[in-house]
Amino acid sequence: MAYLTEHGAKRIRKRVNVSKRQLKLVLERGKPINVYSGSFRRYLDRIRINSKGSVYLLVYGNNIYIFSYNNALITVLNIPGKYSKYKAREE
């Protein structure tokens, strides 16, 4: 199960306004970056490369969730408007 870093908790409250239960859905239904291509994939790769340490990204809803490999949520970013067509469908 995922857990929150202090920074991750602040960002999830500020940017997403959801409960911690949402993390379970993100881990179950979030789309990894390897399912995307084109400019959105390059954008996600830049985020991953510029992040400190080893991280993985999941796209869920209109947000990009950045996790460490021990499932700690580091931060949440909103998908920029120009990439809104790549928004992951919430199933």
PDB file of N, CA and C in Angstrom:
ATOM      1  N   MET A   1       0.840  -1.192   0.000  1.00  0.00           N
ATOM      2  CA  MET A   1       0.000   0.000   0.000  1.00  0.00           C
ATOM      3  C   MET A   1       0.877   1.244   0.000  1.00  0.00           C
ATOM      4  N   ALA A   2       0.437   2.249  -0.677  1.00  0.00           N
ATOM      5  CA  ALA A   2       1.177   3.502  -0.767  1.00  0.00           C
ATOM      6  C   ALA A   2       1.045   4.289   0.518  1.00  0.00           C
ATOM      7  N   TYR A   3       2.024   5.111   0.755  1.00  0.00           N
ATOM      8  CA  TYR A   3       1.952   6.024   1.880  1.00  0.00           C
ATOM      9  C   TYR A   3       2.413   7.400   1.418  1.00  0.00           C
ATOM     10  N   LEU A   4       2.151   8.388   2.224  1.00  0.00           N
ATOM     11  CA  LEU A   4       2.426   9.772   1.851  1.00  0.00           C
ATOM     12  C   LEU A   4       3.675  10.293   2.533  1.00  0.00           C
ATOM     13  N   THR A   5       4.485  11.001   1.772  1.00  0.00           N
ATOM     14  CA  THR A   5       5.526  11.805   2.395  1.00  0.00           C
ATOM     15  C   THR A   5       4.846  13.086   2.872  1.00  0.00           C
ATOM     16  N   GLU A   6       5.525  13.854   3.690  1.00  0.00           N
ATOM     17  CA  GLU A   6       4.938  15.107   4.178  1.00  0.00           C
ATOM     18  C   GLU A   6       4.632  16.037   3.007  1.00  0.00           C
ATOM     19  N   HIS A   7       5.557  16.121   2.065  1.00  0.00           N
ATOM     20  CA  HIS A   7       5.352  16.967   0.894  1.00  0.00           C
ATOM     21  C   HIS A   7       4.194  16.432   0.047  1.00  0.00           C
ATOM     22  N   GLY A   8       4.141  15.124  -0.125  1.00  0.00           N
ATOM     23  CA  GLY A   8       3.063  14.519  -0.903  1.00  0.00           C
ATOM     24  C   GLY A   8       1.697  14.791  -0.305  1.00  0.00           C
ATOM     25  N   ALA A   9       1.613  14.744   1.038  1.00  0.00           N
ATOM     26  CA  ALA A   9       0.339  15.026   1.706  1.00  0.00           C
ATOM     27  C   ALA A   9      -0.113  16.456   1.452  1.00  0.00           C
ATOM     28  N   LYS A  10       0.815  17.392   1.498  1.00  0.00           N
ATOM     29  CA  LYS A  10       0.470  18.795   1.225  1.00  0.00           C
ATOM     30  C   LYS A  10      -0.023  18.965  -0.207  1.00  0.00           C
ATOM     31  N   ARG A  11       0.677  18.331  -1.156  1.00  0.00           N
ATOM     32  CA  ARG A  11       0.331  18.497  -2.563  1.00  0.00           C
ATOM     33  C   ARG A  11      -1.007  17.836  -2.906  1.00  0.00           C
ATOM     34  N   ILE A  12      -1.279  16.695  -2.310  1.00  0.00           N
ATOM     35  CA  ILE A  12      -2.548  16.029  -2.617  1.00  0.00           C
ATOM     36  C   ILE A  12      -3.715  16.848  -2.072  1.00  0.00           C
ATOM     37  N   ARG A  13      -3.532  17.495  -0.930  1.00  0.00           N
ATOM     38  CA  ARG A  13      -4.597  18.348  -0.388  1.00  0.00           C
ATOM     39  C   ARG A  13      -4.760  19.613  -1.223  1.00  0.00           C
ATOM     40  N   LYS A  14      -3.654  20.189  -1.651  1.00  0.00           N
ATOM     41  CA  LYS A  14      -3.708  21.465  -2.369  1.00  0.00           C
ATOM     42  C   LYS A  14      -4.153  21.310  -3.825  1.00  0.00           C
ATOM     43  N   ARG A  15      -3.627  20.330  -4.525  1.00  0.00           N
ATOM     44  CA  ARG A  15      -3.849  20.231  -5.963  1.00  0.00           C
ATOM     45  C   ARG A  15      -4.993  19.318  -6.355  1.00  0.00           C
ATOM     46  N   VAL A  16      -5.241  18.291  -5.576  1.00  0.00           N
ATOM     47  CA  VAL A  16      -6.215  17.293  -5.981  1.00  0.00           C
ATOM     48  C   VAL A  16      -7.462  17.336  -5.113  1.00  0.00           C
ATOM     49  N   ASN A  17      -7.301  17.696  -3.851  1.00  0.00           N
ATOM     50  CA  ASN A  17      -8.419  17.801  -2.911  1.00  0.00           C
ATOM     51  C   ASN A  17      -9.185  16.481  -2.794  1.00  0.00           C
ATOM     52  N   VAL A  18      -8.445  15.404  -2.572  1.00  0.00           N
ATOM     53  CA  VAL A  18      -9.052  14.090  -2.364  1.00  0.00           C
ATOM     54  C   VAL A  18      -8.501  13.485  -1.077  1.00  0.00           C
ATOM     55  N   SER A  19      -9.125  12.418  -0.646  1.00  0.00           N
ATOM     56  CA  SER A  19      -8.683  11.751   0.570  1.00  0.00           C
ATOM     57  C   SER A  19      -7.523  10.813   0.273  1.00  0.00           C
ATOM     58  N   LYS A  20      -6.931  10.299   1.323  1.00  0.00           N
ATOM     59  CA  LYS A  20      -5.819   9.365   1.171  1.00  0.00           C
ATOM     60  C   LYS A  20      -6.282   8.043   0.557  1.00  0.00           C
ATOM     61  N   ARG A  21      -7.576   7.744   0.647  1.00  0.00           N
ATOM     62  CA  ARG A  21      -8.097   6.524   0.020  1.00  0.00           C
ATOM     63  C   ARG A  21      -7.916   6.550  -1.489  1.00  0.00           C
ATOM     64  N   GLN A  22      -7.849   7.745  -2.035  1.00  0.00           N
ATOM     65  CA  GLN A  22      -7.673   7.900  -3.476  1.00  0.00           C
ATOM     66  C   GLN A  22      -6.377   7.245  -3.954  1.00  0.00           C
ATOM     67  N   LEU A  23      -5.371   7.181  -3.085  1.00  0.00           N
ATOM     68  CA  LEU A  23      -4.104   6.583  -3.483  1.00  0.00           C
ATOM     69  C   LEU A  23      -4.272   5.128  -3.906  1.00  0.00           C
ATOM     70  N   LYS A  24      -5.161   4.416  -3.252  1.00  0.00           N
ATOM     71  CA  LYS A  24      -5.404   3.023  -3.619  1.00  0.00           C
ATOM     72  C   LYS A  24      -5.924   2.940  -5.055  1.00  0.00           C
ATOM     73  N   LEU A  25      -6.851   3.829  -5.394  1.00  0.00           N
ATOM     74  CA  LEU A  25      -7.373   3.857  -6.761  1.00  0.00           C
ATOM     75  C   LEU A  25      -6.295   4.247  -7.767  1.00  0.00           C
ATOM     76  N   VAL A  26      -5.454   5.187  -7.382  1.00  0.00           N
ATOM     77  CA  VAL A  26      -4.378   5.613  -8.274  1.00  0.00           C
ATOM     78  C   VAL A  26      -3.464   4.431  -8.570  1.00  0.00           C
ATOM     79  N   LEU A  27      -3.109   3.670  -7.537  1.00  0.00           N
ATOM     80  CA  LEU A  27      -2.223   2.531  -7.739  1.00  0.00           C
ATOM     81  C   LEU A  27      -2.886   1.422  -8.543  1.00  0.00           C
ATOM     82  N   GLU A  28      -4.172   1.224  -8.363  1.00  0.00           N
ATOM     83  CA  GLU A  28      -4.888   0.168  -9.082  1.00  0.00           C
ATOM     84  C   GLU A  28      -5.205   0.554 -10.526  1.00  0.00           C
ATOM     85  N   ARG A  29      -5.639   1.788 -10.735  1.00  0.00           N
ATOM     86  CA  ARG A  29      -6.160   2.197 -12.041  1.00  0.00           C
ATOM     87  C   ARG A  29      -5.301   3.200 -12.795  1.00  0.00           C
ATOM     88  N   GLY A  30      -4.266   3.731 -12.153  1.00  0.00           N
ATOM     89  CA  GLY A  30      -3.410   4.709 -12.812  1.00  0.00           C
ATOM     90  C   GLY A  30      -2.664   4.105 -13.984  1.00  0.00           C
ATOM     91  N   LYS A  31      -2.459   4.895 -15.007  1.00  0.00           N
ATOM     92  CA  LYS A  31      -1.768   4.433 -16.214  1.00  0.00           C
ATOM     93  C   LYS A  31      -0.285   4.789 -16.131  1.00  0.00           C
ATOM     94  N   PRO A  32       0.610   3.810 -16.356  1.00  0.00           N
ATOM     95  CA  PRO A  32       2.044   4.118 -16.368  1.00  0.00           C
ATOM     96  C   PRO A  32       2.414   4.892 -17.632  1.00  0.00           C
ATOM     97  N   ILE A  33       3.580   5.493 -17.612  1.00  0.00           N
ATOM     98  CA  ILE A  33       3.949   6.363 -18.734  1.00  0.00           C
ATOM     99  C   ILE A  33       4.221   5.593 -20.013  1.00  0.00           C
ATOM    100  N   ASN A  34       4.483   4.293 -19.931  1.00  0.00           N
ATOM    101  CA  ASN A  34       4.799   3.553 -21.151  1.00  0.00           C
ATOM    102  C   ASN A  34       3.584   3.309 -22.049  1.00  0.00           C
ATOM    103  N   VAL A  35       2.375   3.662 -21.618  1.00  0.00           N
ATOM    104  CA  VAL A  35       1.198   3.515 -22.486  1.00  0.00           C
ATOM    105  C   VAL A  35       0.960   4.761 -23.336  1.00  0.00           C
ATOM    106  N   TYR A  36       1.735   5.806 -23.104  1.00  0.00           N
ATOM    107  CA  TYR A  36       1.588   7.058 -23.853  1.00  0.00           C
ATOM    108  C   TYR A  36       2.703   7.192 -24.874  1.00  0.00           C
ATOM    109  N   SER A  37       2.452   8.034 -25.874  1.00  0.00           N
ATOM    110  CA  SER A  37       3.463   8.287 -26.895  1.00  0.00           C
ATOM    111  C   SER A  37       3.410   9.757 -27.291  1.00  0.00           C
ATOM    112  N   GLY A  38       4.326  10.133 -28.134  1.00  0.00           N
ATOM    113  CA  GLY A  38       4.331  11.500 -28.657  1.00  0.00           C
ATOM    114  C   GLY A  38       4.795  12.532 -27.655  1.00  0.00           C
ATOM    115  N   SER A  39       4.271  13.727 -27.810  1.00  0.00           N
ATOM    116  CA  SER A  39       4.736  14.853 -26.992  1.00  0.00           C
ATOM    117  C   SER A  39       4.389  14.670 -25.510  1.00  0.00           C
ATOM    118  N   PHE A  40       3.253  14.040 -25.224  1.00  0.00           N
ATOM    119  CA  PHE A  40       2.898  13.813 -23.822  1.00  0.00           C
ATOM    120  C   PHE A  40       3.881  12.848 -23.170  1.00  0.00           C
ATOM    121  N   ARG A  41       4.304  11.832 -23.884  1.00  0.00           N
ATOM    122  CA  ARG A  41       5.289  10.883 -23.351  1.00  0.00           C
ATOM    123  C   ARG A  41       6.614  11.595 -23.094  1.00  0.00           C
ATOM    124  N   ARG A  42       7.031  12.456 -24.009  1.00  0.00           N
ATOM    125  CA  ARG A  42       8.273  13.208 -23.812  1.00  0.00           C
ATOM    126  C   ARG A  42       8.165  14.113 -22.591  1.00  0.00           C
ATOM    127  N   TYR A  43       6.999  14.720 -22.391  1.00  0.00           N
ATOM    128  CA  TYR A  43       6.757  15.556 -21.215  1.00  0.00           C
ATOM    129  C   TYR A  43       6.889  14.720 -19.935  1.00  0.00           C
ATOM    130  N   LEU A  44       6.273  13.527 -19.914  1.00  0.00           N
ATOM    131  CA  LEU A  44       6.357  12.652 -18.747  1.00  0.00           C
ATOM    132  C   LEU A  44       7.785  12.179 -18.503  1.00  0.00           C
ATOM    133  N   ASP A  45       8.504  11.886 -19.569  1.00  0.00           N
ATOM    134  CA  ASP A  45       9.908  11.473 -19.426  1.00  0.00           C
ATOM    135  C   ASP A  45      10.759  12.592 -18.830  1.00  0.00           C
ATOM    136  N   ARG A  46      10.497  13.825 -19.244  1.00  0.00           N
ATOM    137  CA  ARG A  46      11.243  14.962 -18.669  1.00  0.00           C
ATOM    138  C   ARG A  46      10.965  15.092 -17.183  1.00  0.00           C
ATOM    139  N   ILE A  47       9.720  14.912 -16.780  1.00  0.00           N
ATOM    140  CA  ILE A  47       9.383  14.971 -15.358  1.00  0.00           C
ATOM    141  C   ILE A  47      10.135  13.884 -14.601  1.00  0.00           C
ATOM    142  N   ARG A  48      10.130  12.669 -15.143  1.00  0.00           N
ATOM    143  CA  ARG A  48      10.784  11.544 -14.478  1.00  0.00           C
ATOM    144  C   ARG A  48      12.290  11.764 -14.373  1.00  0.00           C
ATOM    145  N   ILE A  49      12.900  12.236 -15.441  1.00  0.00           N
ATOM    146  CA  ILE A  49      14.350  12.451 -15.452  1.00  0.00           C
ATOM    147  C   ILE A  49      14.738  13.583 -14.507  1.00  0.00           C
ATOM    148  N   ASN A  50      13.933  14.640 -14.459  1.00  0.00           N
ATOM    149  CA  ASN A  50      14.250  15.787 -13.611  1.00  0.00           C
ATOM    150  C   ASN A  50      13.935  15.566 -12.139  1.00  0.00           C
ATOM    151  N   SER A  51      13.227  14.499 -11.823  1.00  0.00           N
ATOM    152  CA  SER A  51      12.918  14.190 -10.425  1.00  0.00           C
ATOM    153  C   SER A  51      14.161  13.627  -9.756  1.00  0.00           C
ATOM    154  N   LYS A  52      14.301  13.942  -8.490  1.00  0.00           N
ATOM    155  CA  LYS A  52      15.448  13.442  -7.745  1.00  0.00           C
ATOM    156  C   LYS A  52      15.215  11.991  -7.373  1.00  0.00           C
ATOM    157  N   GLY A  53      16.203  11.151  -7.618  1.00  0.00           N
ATOM    158  CA  GLY A  53      16.097   9.754  -7.244  1.00  0.00           C
ATOM    159  C   GLY A  53      15.293   8.931  -8.236  1.00  0.00           C
ATOM    160  N   SER A  54      15.071   7.692  -7.874  1.00  0.00           N
ATOM    161  CA  SER A  54      14.315   6.767  -8.719  1.00  0.00           C
ATOM    162  C   SER A  54      12.835   6.922  -8.436  1.00  0.00           C
ATOM    163  N   VAL A  55      12.086   7.273  -9.453  1.00  0.00           N
ATOM    164  CA  VAL A  55      10.646   7.484  -9.294  1.00  0.00           C
ATOM    165  C   VAL A  55       9.896   6.824 -10.442  1.00  0.00           C
ATOM    166  N   TYR A  56       8.622   6.593 -10.236  1.00  0.00           N
ATOM    167  CA  TYR A  56       7.747   6.185 -11.319  1.00  0.00           C
ATOM    168  C   TYR A  56       6.513   7.058 -11.285  1.00  0.00           C
ATOM    169  N   LEU A  57       5.911   7.237 -12.457  1.00  0.00           N
ATOM    170  CA  LEU A  57       4.772   8.128 -12.603  1.00  0.00           C
ATOM    171  C   LEU A  57       3.542   7.330 -12.983  1.00  0.00           C
ATOM    172  N   LEU A  58       2.409   7.749 -12.443  1.00  0.00           N
ATOM    173  CA  LEU A  58       1.123   7.196 -12.829  1.00  0.00           C
ATOM    174  C   LEU A  58       0.206   8.356 -13.191  1.00  0.00           C
ATOM    175  N   VAL A  59      -0.538   8.205 -14.273  1.00  0.00           N
ATOM    176  CA  VAL A  59      -1.498   9.217 -14.694  1.00  0.00           C
ATOM    177  C   VAL A  59      -2.878   8.700 -14.342  1.00  0.00           C
ATOM    178  N   TYR A  60      -3.609   9.501 -13.574  1.00  0.00           N
ATOM    179  CA  TYR A  60      -4.959   9.119 -13.181  1.00  0.00           C
ATOM    180  C   TYR A  60      -5.802  10.380 -13.122  1.00  0.00           C
ATOM    181  N   GLY A  61      -6.912  10.376 -13.821  1.00  0.00           N
ATOM    182  CA  GLY A  61      -7.738  11.580 -13.882  1.00  0.00           C
ATOM    183  C   GLY A  61      -6.987  12.667 -14.610  1.00  0.00           C
ATOM    184  N   ASN A  62      -6.963  13.832 -14.041  1.00  0.00           N
ATOM    185  CA  ASN A  62      -6.287  14.974 -14.644  1.00  0.00           C
ATOM    186  C   ASN A  62      -4.977  15.272 -13.937  1.00  0.00           C
ATOM    187  N   ASN A  63      -4.373  14.236 -13.341  1.00  0.00           N
ATOM    188  CA  ASN A  63      -3.181  14.435 -12.533  1.00  0.00           C
ATOM    189  C   ASN A  63      -2.107  13.419 -12.841  1.00  0.00           C
ATOM    190  N   ILE A  64      -0.873  13.824 -12.538  1.00  0.00           N
ATOM    191  CA  ILE A  64       0.285  12.956 -12.641  1.00  0.00           C
ATOM    192  C   ILE A  64       0.791  12.742 -11.215  1.00  0.00           C
ATOM    193  N   TYR A  65       0.831  11.499 -10.795  1.00  0.00           N
ATOM    194  CA  TYR A  65       1.273  11.155  -9.447  1.00  0.00           C
ATOM    195  C   TYR A  65       2.699  10.631  -9.537  1.00  0.00           C
ATOM    196  N   ILE A  66       3.592  11.179  -8.727  1.00  0.00           N
ATOM    197  CA  ILE A  66       4.985  10.767  -8.731  1.00  0.00           C
ATOM    198  C   ILE A  66       5.250   9.989  -7.444  1.00  0.00           C
ATOM    199  N   PHE A  67       5.654   8.728  -7.611  1.00  0.00           N
ATOM    200  CA  PHE A  67       5.921   7.831  -6.494  1.00  0.00           C
ATOM    201  C   PHE A  67       7.389   7.423  -6.494  1.00  0.00           C
ATOM    202  N   SER A  68       7.924   7.176  -5.304  1.00  0.00           N
ATOM    203  CA  SER A  68       9.219   6.512  -5.213  1.00  0.00           C
ATOM    204  C   SER A  68       8.959   5.021  -5.400  1.00  0.00           C
ATOM    205  N   TYR A  69      10.024   4.256  -5.597  1.00  0.00           N
ATOM    206  CA  TYR A  69       9.827   2.828  -5.830  1.00  0.00           C
ATOM    207  C   TYR A  69       9.412   2.057  -4.585  1.00  0.00           C
ATOM    208  N   ASN A  70       9.418   2.695  -3.415  1.00  0.00           N
ATOM    209  CA  ASN A  70       8.875   2.031  -2.229  1.00  0.00           C
ATOM    210  C   ASN A  70       7.453   2.517  -1.948  1.00  0.00           C
ATOM    211  N   ASN A  71       6.771   3.013  -3.005  1.00  0.00           N
ATOM    212  CA  ASN A  71       5.358   3.425  -2.986  1.00  0.00           C
ATOM    213  C   ASN A  71       5.063   4.622  -2.093  1.00  0.00           C
ATOM    214  N   ALA A  72       6.007   5.513  -1.936  1.00  0.00           N
ATOM    215  CA  ALA A  72       5.755   6.757  -1.218  1.00  0.00           C
ATOM    216  C   ALA A  72       5.351   7.818  -2.234  1.00  0.00           C
ATOM    217  N   LEU A  73       4.184   8.426  -2.038  1.00  0.00           N
ATOM    218  CA  LEU A  73       3.766   9.501  -2.921  1.00  0.00           C
ATOM    219  C   LEU A  73       4.627  10.718  -2.637  1.00  0.00           C
ATOM    220  N   ILE A  74       5.325  11.179  -3.661  1.00  0.00           N
ATOM    221  CA  ILE A  74       6.209  12.327  -3.493  1.00  0.00           C
ATOM    222  C   ILE A  74       5.457  13.619  -3.774  1.00  0.00           C
ATOM    223  N   THR A  75       4.770  13.672  -4.917  1.00  0.00           N
ATOM    224  CA  THR A  75       4.012  14.871  -5.256  1.00  0.00           C
ATOM    225  C   THR A  75       2.964  14.549  -6.313  1.00  0.00           C
ATOM    226  N   VAL A  76       2.092  15.514  -6.536  1.00  0.00           N
ATOM    227  CA  VAL A  76       1.031  15.407  -7.537  1.00  0.00           C
ATOM    228  C   VAL A  76       1.099  16.642  -8.419  1.00  0.00           C
ATOM    229  N   LEU A  77       1.050  16.435  -9.727  1.00  0.00           N
ATOM    230  CA  LEU A  77       1.050  17.542 -10.676  1.00  0.00           C
ATOM    231  C   LEU A  77      -0.218  17.482 -11.512  1.00  0.00           C
ATOM    232  N   ASN A  78      -0.718  18.639 -11.879  1.00  0.00           N
ATOM    233  CA  ASN A  78      -1.840  18.695 -12.809  1.00  0.00           C
ATOM    234  C   ASN A  78      -1.317  18.532 -14.227  1.00  0.00           C
ATOM    235  N   ILE A  79      -2.093  17.873 -15.070  1.00  0.00           N
ATOM    236  CA  ILE A  79      -1.722  17.754 -16.474  1.00  0.00           C
ATOM    237  C   ILE A  79      -1.963  19.106 -17.135  1.00  0.00           C
ATOM    238  N   PRO A  80      -0.959  19.658 -17.839  1.00  0.00           N
ATOM    239  CA  PRO A  80      -1.157  20.939 -18.518  1.00  0.00           C
ATOM    240  C   PRO A  80      -2.290  20.858 -19.534  1.00  0.00           C
ATOM    241  N   GLY A  81      -2.941  21.977 -19.754  1.00  0.00           N
ATOM    242  CA  GLY A  81      -4.096  22.039 -20.644  1.00  0.00           C
ATOM    243  C   GLY A  81      -3.839  21.525 -22.047  1.00  0.00           C
ATOM    244  N   LYS A  82      -2.640  21.758 -22.570  1.00  0.00           N
ATOM    245  CA  LYS A  82      -2.374  21.318 -23.936  1.00  0.00           C
ATOM    246  C   LYS A  82      -2.301  19.801 -24.059  1.00  0.00           C
ATOM    247  N   TYR A  83      -2.185  19.098 -22.938  1.00  0.00           N
ATOM    248  CA  TYR A  83      -2.169  17.634 -22.945  1.00  0.00           C
ATOM    249  C   TYR A  83      -3.468  17.044 -22.397  1.00  0.00           C
ATOM    250  N   SER A  84      -4.508  17.829 -22.300  1.00  0.00           N
ATOM    251  CA  SER A  84      -5.746  17.358 -21.679  1.00  0.00           C
ATOM    252  C   SER A  84      -6.389  16.188 -22.421  1.00  0.00           C
ATOM    253  N   LYS A  85      -6.116  16.031 -23.704  1.00  0.00           N
ATOM    254  CA  LYS A  85      -6.688  14.897 -24.434  1.00  0.00           C
ATOM    255  C   LYS A  85      -6.074  13.574 -23.993  1.00  0.00           C
ATOM    256  N   TYR A  86      -4.948  13.632 -23.279  1.00  0.00           N
ATOM    257  CA  TYR A  86      -4.296  12.421 -22.793  1.00  0.00           C
ATOM    258  C   TYR A  86      -4.760  12.031 -21.392  1.00  0.00           C
ATOM    259  N   LYS A  87      -5.682  12.768 -20.877  1.00  0.00           N
ATOM    260  CA  LYS A  87      -6.193  12.510 -19.521  1.00  0.00           C
ATOM    261  C   LYS A  87      -6.593  11.040 -19.393  1.00  0.00           C
ATOM    262  N   ALA A  88      -6.162  10.397 -18.314  1.00  0.00           N
ATOM    263  CA  ALA A  88      -6.500   8.984 -18.102  1.00  0.00           C
ATOM    264  C   ALA A  88      -7.958   8.868 -17.685  1.00  0.00           C
ATOM    265  N   ARG A  89      -8.672   8.007 -18.323  1.00  0.00           N
ATOM    266  CA  ARG A  89     -10.068   7.799 -18.005  1.00  0.00           C
ATOM    267  C   ARG A  89     -10.209   7.096 -16.669  1.00  0.00           C
ATOM    268  N   GLU A  90     -11.067   7.600 -15.824  1.00  0.00           N
ATOM    269  CA  GLU A  90     -11.326   6.967 -14.534  1.00  0.00           C
ATOM    270  C   GLU A  90     -12.392   5.904 -14.729  1.00  0.00           C
ATOM    271  N   GLU A  91     -12.021   4.675 -14.555  1.00  0.00           N
ATOM    272  CA  GLU A  91     -12.933   3.560 -14.801  1.00  0.00           C
ATOM    273  C   GLU A  91     -13.468   3.009 -13.512  1.00  0.00           C
TER     274      GLU A  91
END
